[in-house]
Amino acid sequence: MIQLIINGQTQHFESTLNVTQLLERMTLNNKRIAIEYNGQIVPRSKFKEQILVDGDQLEIVVAVGGG
């Protein structure tokens, strides 16, 4: 089991996963988002490559349209 801190909230997952898998579990995979991973922005092109492990901290920002 791993523990991730997402937007300041502790969440637990059964095993390591990548950013794409995390977004699928959070039903955010089709949204326009930005992710900060341990203080670094993760480009969308690297979501599948970025493996999340115990203790990682993420900030996920969902873009909201409007005018």
N, C-alpha and C. Protein backbone atom coordinates (compact mmCIF):
# COMPACT_ATOMS: atom_id res chain seq x y z
N MET A 1 0.84 -1.17 0.00
CA MET A 1 0.00 0.00 0.00
C MET A 1 0.89 1.24 0.00
N ILE A 2 0.48 2.26 -0.77
CA ILE A 2 1.23 3.51 -0.78
C ILE A 2 0.32 4.65 -0.33
N GLN A 3 0.95 5.68 0.18
CA GLN A 3 0.24 6.87 0.63
C GLN A 3 0.70 8.04 -0.23
N LEU A 4 -0.26 8.76 -0.82
CA LEU A 4 0.02 9.95 -1.60
C LEU A 4 -0.68 11.13 -0.94
N ILE A 5 -0.08 12.29 -1.05
CA ILE A 5 -0.73 13.50 -0.57
C ILE A 5 -1.15 14.28 -1.81
N ILE A 6 -2.47 14.37 -2.00
CA ILE A 6 -3.03 15.00 -3.20
C ILE A 6 -3.83 16.21 -2.77
N ASN A 7 -3.39 17.38 -3.22
CA ASN A 7 -4.02 18.65 -2.85
C ASN A 7 -4.20 18.75 -1.33
N GLY A 8 -3.16 18.33 -0.61
CA GLY A 8 -3.15 18.45 0.84
C GLY A 8 -3.87 17.35 1.58
N GLN A 9 -4.49 16.41 0.87
CA GLN A 9 -5.24 15.33 1.50
C GLN A 9 -4.50 14.00 1.31
N THR A 10 -4.38 13.24 2.38
CA THR A 10 -3.73 11.93 2.30
C THR A 10 -4.69 10.92 1.69
N GLN A 11 -4.18 10.20 0.69
CA GLN A 11 -4.97 9.14 0.06
C GLN A 11 -4.11 7.89 -0.03
N HIS A 12 -4.75 6.74 0.10
CA HIS A 12 -4.05 5.46 0.06
C HIS A 12 -4.44 4.67 -1.19
N PHE A 13 -3.46 3.98 -1.76
CA PHE A 13 -3.65 3.15 -2.93
C PHE A 13 -2.98 1.81 -2.69
N GLU A 14 -3.48 0.77 -3.35
CA GLU A 14 -2.98 -0.59 -3.11
C GLU A 14 -1.55 -0.79 -3.58
N SER A 15 -1.14 -0.10 -4.64
CA SER A 15 0.21 -0.28 -5.16
C SER A 15 0.64 0.97 -5.91
N THR A 16 1.90 0.96 -6.37
CA THR A 16 2.38 2.10 -7.15
C THR A 16 1.54 2.22 -8.42
N LEU A 17 1.45 3.42 -8.94
CA LEU A 17 0.73 3.67 -10.17
C LEU A 17 1.35 4.88 -10.85
N ASN A 18 1.00 5.08 -12.12
CA ASN A 18 1.51 6.25 -12.81
C ASN A 18 0.45 7.36 -12.78
N VAL A 19 0.81 8.53 -13.25
CA VAL A 19 -0.11 9.68 -13.19
C VAL A 19 -1.38 9.40 -13.98
N THR A 20 -1.27 8.79 -15.15
CA THR A 20 -2.45 8.47 -15.95
C THR A 20 -3.41 7.57 -15.18
N GLN A 21 -2.88 6.55 -14.53
CA GLN A 21 -3.72 5.64 -13.75
C GLN A 21 -4.39 6.37 -12.59
N LEU A 22 -3.65 7.27 -11.95
CA LEU A 22 -4.23 8.04 -10.85
C LEU A 22 -5.39 8.89 -11.35
N LEU A 23 -5.21 9.57 -12.46
CA LEU A 23 -6.27 10.41 -13.02
C LEU A 23 -7.49 9.59 -13.40
N GLU A 24 -7.28 8.39 -13.92
CA GLU A 24 -8.40 7.50 -14.24
C GLU A 24 -9.17 7.14 -12.97
N ARG A 25 -8.47 6.83 -11.91
CA ARG A 25 -9.12 6.47 -10.64
C ARG A 25 -9.86 7.65 -10.04
N MET A 26 -9.38 8.85 -10.31
CA MET A 26 -10.02 10.06 -9.78
C MET A 26 -11.04 10.63 -10.76
N THR A 27 -11.29 9.93 -11.86
CA THR A 27 -12.18 10.34 -12.95
C THR A 27 -11.85 11.75 -13.46
N LEU A 28 -10.56 12.00 -13.62
CA LEU A 28 -10.08 13.27 -14.15
C LEU A 28 -9.35 13.10 -15.47
N ASN A 29 -9.35 11.90 -16.02
CA ASN A 29 -8.52 11.60 -17.19
C ASN A 29 -8.94 12.36 -18.45
N ASN A 30 -10.15 12.88 -18.54
CA ASN A 30 -10.58 13.62 -19.73
C ASN A 30 -10.67 15.12 -19.48
N LYS A 31 -10.14 15.57 -18.38
CA LYS A 31 -10.19 16.99 -18.02
C LYS A 31 -8.90 17.69 -18.41
N ARG A 32 -8.97 19.01 -18.55
CA ARG A 32 -7.77 19.82 -18.77
C ARG A 32 -7.20 20.12 -17.39
N ILE A 33 -6.03 19.57 -17.12
CA ILE A 33 -5.44 19.72 -15.79
C ILE A 33 -3.96 20.04 -15.87
N ALA A 34 -3.45 20.50 -14.74
CA ALA A 34 -2.01 20.68 -14.55
C ALA A 34 -1.66 19.91 -13.28
N ILE A 35 -0.50 19.28 -13.29
CA ILE A 35 -0.06 18.49 -12.13
C ILE A 35 1.33 18.92 -11.71
N GLU A 36 1.44 19.19 -10.41
CA GLU A 36 2.73 19.44 -9.80
C GLU A 36 3.06 18.20 -8.97
N TYR A 37 4.21 17.61 -9.25
CA TYR A 37 4.64 16.38 -8.60
C TYR A 37 5.91 16.67 -7.81
N ASN A 38 5.81 16.62 -6.49
CA ASN A 38 6.95 16.91 -5.61
C ASN A 38 7.64 18.21 -6.01
N GLY A 39 6.82 19.23 -6.31
CA GLY A 39 7.35 20.55 -6.60
C GLY A 39 7.71 20.82 -8.05
N GLN A 40 7.52 19.83 -8.94
CA GLN A 40 7.86 19.98 -10.35
C GLN A 40 6.61 19.75 -11.21
N ILE A 41 6.43 20.59 -12.23
CA ILE A 41 5.31 20.40 -13.15
C ILE A 41 5.59 19.17 -14.03
N VAL A 42 4.57 18.34 -14.20
CA VAL A 42 4.69 17.15 -15.04
C VAL A 42 3.98 17.44 -16.37
N PRO A 43 4.71 17.43 -17.48
CA PRO A 43 4.06 17.62 -18.78
C PRO A 43 3.12 16.45 -19.08
N ARG A 44 2.02 16.74 -19.74
CA ARG A 44 1.04 15.70 -20.08
C ARG A 44 1.71 14.54 -20.83
N SER A 45 2.70 14.83 -21.63
CA SER A 45 3.38 13.79 -22.40
C SER A 45 4.13 12.80 -21.50
N LYS A 46 4.35 13.15 -20.24
CA LYS A 46 5.08 12.28 -19.31
C LYS A 46 4.18 11.60 -18.29
N PHE A 47 2.86 11.78 -18.37
CA PHE A 47 1.95 11.21 -17.38
C PHE A 47 2.10 9.70 -17.25
N LYS A 48 2.23 8.98 -18.36
CA LYS A 48 2.34 7.51 -18.30
C LYS A 48 3.69 7.07 -17.75
N GLU A 49 4.71 7.90 -17.91
CA GLU A 49 6.06 7.55 -17.46
C GLU A 49 6.29 7.88 -15.98
N GLN A 50 5.54 8.84 -15.44
CA GLN A 50 5.77 9.29 -14.07
C GLN A 50 5.13 8.33 -13.08
N ILE A 51 5.96 7.52 -12.44
CA ILE A 51 5.49 6.54 -11.46
C ILE A 51 5.39 7.21 -10.09
N LEU A 52 4.26 7.00 -9.43
CA LEU A 52 4.02 7.56 -8.10
C LEU A 52 4.34 6.51 -7.05
N VAL A 53 5.06 6.91 -6.02
CA VAL A 53 5.44 5.98 -4.96
C VAL A 53 5.07 6.57 -3.60
N ASP A 54 5.17 5.76 -2.59
CA ASP A 54 4.79 6.14 -1.24
C ASP A 54 5.42 7.47 -0.82
N GLY A 55 4.58 8.37 -0.33
CA GLY A 55 5.04 9.65 0.19
C GLY A 55 5.06 10.79 -0.81
N ASP A 56 4.78 10.51 -2.09
CA ASP A 56 4.77 11.58 -3.09
C ASP A 56 3.67 12.60 -2.79
N GLN A 57 3.95 13.85 -3.18
CA GLN A 57 2.99 14.94 -3.00
C GLN A 57 2.61 15.51 -4.36
N LEU A 58 1.32 15.64 -4.58
CA LEU A 58 0.83 16.16 -5.85
C LEU A 58 -0.18 17.28 -5.61
N GLU A 59 -0.13 18.25 -6.50
CA GLU A 59 -1.15 19.28 -6.58
C GLU A 59 -1.76 19.13 -7.95
N ILE A 60 -3.07 18.95 -7.98
CA ILE A 60 -3.79 18.78 -9.24
C ILE A 60 -4.74 19.96 -9.39
N VAL A 61 -4.59 20.68 -10.50
CA VAL A 61 -5.43 21.84 -10.77
C VAL A 61 -6.24 21.56 -12.02
N VAL A 62 -7.56 21.67 -11.91
CA VAL A 62 -8.43 21.46 -13.05
C VAL A 62 -8.79 22.80 -13.64
N ALA A 63 -8.56 22.95 -14.96
CA ALA A 63 -8.89 24.21 -15.66
C ALA A 63 -10.40 24.31 -15.81
N VAL A 64 -10.92 25.48 -15.50
CA VAL A 64 -12.34 25.74 -15.61
C VAL A 64 -12.54 26.85 -16.64
N GLY A 65 -13.35 26.57 -17.64
CA GLY A 65 -13.62 27.56 -18.67
C GLY A 65 -14.68 28.54 -18.22
N GLY A 66 -14.69 29.64 -18.86
CA GLY A 66 -15.71 30.63 -18.54
C GLY A 66 -15.33 31.96 -19.14
N GLY A 67 -16.16 32.91 -18.92
CA GLY A 67 -15.83 34.20 -19.51
C GLY A 67 -16.64 35.31 -18.94
